Amino acid sequence: MITDQPTCLYCERTNNQIPLILMNYQGRQIYICPQHLPILIHKPAQLADKLPGAERFGPPAGHED
Protein backbone atom coordinates (compact mmCIF):
# COMPACT_ATOMS: atom_id res chain seq x y z
CA MET A 1 0.00 0.00 0.00
CA ILE A 2 1.47 3.35 -1.02
CA THR A 3 0.04 6.30 0.87
CA ASP A 4 1.11 9.56 2.43
CA GLN A 5 -0.89 8.70 5.53
CA PRO A 6 0.81 7.00 8.46
CA THR A 7 0.26 3.24 8.30
CA CYS A 8 0.96 0.35 10.64
CA LEU A 9 4.29 -1.28 9.90
CA TYR A 10 2.70 -4.73 10.14
CA CYS A 11 -0.87 -4.59 8.84
CA GLU A 12 -0.67 -1.34 6.83
CA ARG A 13 -3.92 0.03 8.22
CA THR A 14 -4.01 3.82 8.32
CA ASN A 15 -4.56 6.13 11.24
CA ASN A 16 -8.10 6.61 9.88
CA GLN A 17 -8.76 2.93 10.55
CA ILE A 18 -6.93 2.30 13.84
CA PRO A 19 -4.86 4.28 16.37
CA LEU A 20 -1.15 4.22 15.61
CA ILE A 21 1.88 4.50 17.88
CA LEU A 22 4.77 6.57 16.55
CA MET A 23 8.33 5.29 16.95
CA ASN A 24 11.63 6.67 15.75
CA TYR A 25 14.09 4.11 14.41
CA GLN A 26 17.22 4.56 12.34
CA GLY A 27 16.39 8.21 11.72
CA ARG A 28 12.87 7.67 10.42
CA GLN A 29 9.37 7.64 11.81
CA ILE A 30 7.64 4.27 11.97
CA TYR A 31 4.11 3.51 13.10
CA ILE A 32 2.60 0.38 14.59
CA CYS A 33 -0.94 -0.26 15.77
CA PRO A 34 -1.66 -1.45 19.33
CA GLN A 35 -2.77 -4.83 17.98
CA HIS A 36 0.69 -5.52 16.55
CA LEU A 37 2.83 -3.86 19.24
CA PRO A 38 3.11 -7.23 21.09
CA ILE A 39 4.86 -8.66 18.01
CA LEU A 40 7.46 -5.91 18.24
CA ILE A 41 7.90 -6.55 21.96
CA HIS A 42 7.79 -10.36 22.13
CA LYS A 43 8.71 -11.63 18.64
CA PRO A 44 10.50 -8.83 16.80
CA ALA A 45 12.14 -11.23 14.34
CA GLN A 46 8.70 -11.57 12.71
CA LEU A 47 9.14 -7.96 11.56
CA ALA A 48 12.54 -8.53 9.92
CA ASP A 49 11.12 -8.14 6.41
CA LYS A 50 9.44 -4.84 7.36
CA LEU A 51 11.88 -3.39 9.89
CA PRO A 52 15.59 -3.65 9.07
CA GLY A 53 17.55 -5.16 11.93
CA ALA A 54 14.51 -6.43 13.86
CA GLU A 55 15.91 -9.96 13.83
CA ARG A 56 18.71 -8.72 16.12
CA PHE A 57 16.37 -7.32 18.77
CA GLY A 58 15.56 -10.66 20.39
CA PRO A 59 12.82 -11.08 22.99
CA PRO A 60 13.09 -9.30 26.33
CA ALA A 61 14.49 -11.28 29.26
CA GLY A 62 12.03 -13.86 30.49
CA HIS A 63 10.10 -13.95 27.19
CA GLU A 64 12.10 -16.57 25.34
CA ASP A 65 10.15 -19.38 23.63
C-alpha atoms as a PDB file:
ATOM      1  CA  MET A   1       0.000   0.000   0.000  1.00  0.00           C
ATOM      2  CA  ILE A   2       1.473   3.347  -1.020  1.00  0.00           C
ATOM      3  CA  THR A   3       0.041   6.296   0.866  1.00  0.00           C
ATOM      4  CA  ASP A   4       1.112   9.564   2.432  1.00  0.00           C
ATOM      5  CA  GLN A   5      -0.891   8.699   5.532  1.00  0.00           C
ATOM      6  CA  PRO A   6       0.808   7.003   8.455  1.00  0.00           C
ATOM      7  CA  THR A   7       0.264   3.236   8.303  1.00  0.00           C
ATOM      8  CA  CYS A   8       0.963   0.345  10.637  1.00  0.00           C
ATOM      9  CA  LEU A   9       4.295  -1.276   9.901  1.00  0.00           C
ATOM     10  CA  TYR A  10       2.698  -4.729  10.137  1.00  0.00           C
ATOM     11  CA  CYS A  11      -0.873  -4.585   8.839  1.00  0.00           C
ATOM     12  CA  GLU A  12      -0.667  -1.344   6.829  1.00  0.00           C
ATOM     13  CA  ARG A  13      -3.922   0.027   8.223  1.00  0.00           C
ATOM     14  CA  THR A  14      -4.007   3.820   8.319  1.00  0.00           C
ATOM     15  CA  ASN A  15      -4.560   6.133  11.240  1.00  0.00           C
ATOM     16  CA  ASN A  16      -8.098   6.614   9.880  1.00  0.00           C
ATOM     17  CA  GLN A  17      -8.755   2.927  10.551  1.00  0.00           C
ATOM     18  CA  ILE A  18      -6.928   2.304  13.837  1.00  0.00           C
ATOM     19  CA  PRO A  19      -4.859   4.280  16.368  1.00  0.00           C
ATOM     20  CA  LEU A  20      -1.152   4.217  15.608  1.00  0.00           C
ATOM     21  CA  ILE A  21       1.880   4.496  17.880  1.00  0.00           C
ATOM     22  CA  LEU A  22       4.769   6.566  16.550  1.00  0.00           C
ATOM     23  CA  MET A  23       8.332   5.291  16.949  1.00  0.00           C
ATOM     24  CA  ASN A  24      11.634   6.672  15.752  1.00  0.00           C
ATOM     25  CA  TYR A  25      14.086   4.112  14.414  1.00  0.00           C
ATOM     26  CA  GLN A  26      17.218   4.565  12.336  1.00  0.00           C
ATOM     27  CA  GLY A  27      16.395   8.210  11.717  1.00  0.00           C
ATOM     28  CA  ARG A  28      12.872   7.666  10.418  1.00  0.00           C
ATOM     29  CA  GLN A  29       9.373   7.640  11.811  1.00  0.00           C
ATOM     30  CA  ILE A  30       7.641   4.267  11.973  1.00  0.00           C
ATOM     31  CA  TYR A  31       4.105   3.513  13.098  1.00  0.00           C
ATOM     32  CA  ILE A  32       2.601   0.382  14.589  1.00  0.00           C
ATOM     33  CA  CYS A  33      -0.944  -0.259  15.773  1.00  0.00           C
ATOM     34  CA  PRO A  34      -1.665  -1.449  19.330  1.00  0.00           C
ATOM     35  CA  GLN A  35      -2.770  -4.835  17.984  1.00  0.00           C
ATOM     36  CA  HIS A  36       0.689  -5.519  16.547  1.00  0.00           C
ATOM     37  CA  LEU A  37       2.827  -3.860  19.237  1.00  0.00           C
ATOM     38  CA  PRO A  38       3.113  -7.231  21.086  1.00  0.00           C
ATOM     39  CA  ILE A  39       4.861  -8.657  18.011  1.00  0.00           C
ATOM     40  CA  LEU A  40       7.464  -5.913  18.239  1.00  0.00           C
ATOM     41  CA  ILE A  41       7.896  -6.547  21.956  1.00  0.00           C
ATOM     42  CA  HIS A  42       7.792 -10.362  22.127  1.00  0.00           C
ATOM     43  CA  LYS A  43       8.705 -11.629  18.643  1.00  0.00           C
ATOM     44  CA  PRO A  44      10.503  -8.826  16.803  1.00  0.00           C
ATOM     45  CA  ALA A  45      12.143 -11.234  14.345  1.00  0.00           C
ATOM     46  CA  GLN A  46       8.703 -11.568  12.710  1.00  0.00           C
ATOM     47  CA  LEU A  47       9.138  -7.962  11.565  1.00  0.00           C
ATOM     48  CA  ALA A  48      12.538  -8.532   9.921  1.00  0.00           C
ATOM     49  CA  ASP A  49      11.117  -8.140   6.409  1.00  0.00           C
ATOM     50  CA  LYS A  50       9.440  -4.844   7.362  1.00  0.00           C
ATOM     51  CA  LEU A  51      11.877  -3.393   9.894  1.00  0.00           C
ATOM     52  CA  PRO A  52      15.587  -3.650   9.067  1.00  0.00           C
ATOM     53  CA  GLY A  53      17.555  -5.164  11.929  1.00  0.00           C
ATOM     54  CA  ALA A  54      14.514  -6.430  13.857  1.00  0.00           C
ATOM     55  CA  GLU A  55      15.913  -9.957  13.828  1.00  0.00           C
ATOM     56  CA  ARG A  56      18.714  -8.722  16.116  1.00  0.00           C
ATOM     57  CA  PHE A  57      16.372  -7.317  18.770  1.00  0.00           C
ATOM     58  CA  GLY A  58      15.556 -10.656  20.386  1.00  0.00           C
ATOM     59  CA  PRO A  59      12.821 -11.079  22.994  1.00  0.00           C
ATOM     60  CA  PRO A  60      13.093  -9.301  26.328  1.00  0.00           C
ATOM     61  CA  ALA A  61      14.493 -11.279  29.262  1.00  0.00           C
ATOM     62  CA  GLY A  62      12.032 -13.862  30.492  1.00  0.00           C
ATOM     63  CA  HIS A  63      10.105 -13.947  27.195  1.00  0.00           C
ATOM     64  CA  GLU A  64      12.099 -16.567  25.337  1.00  0.00           C
ATOM     65  CA  ASP A  65      10.154 -19.381  23.632  1.00  0.00           C
END
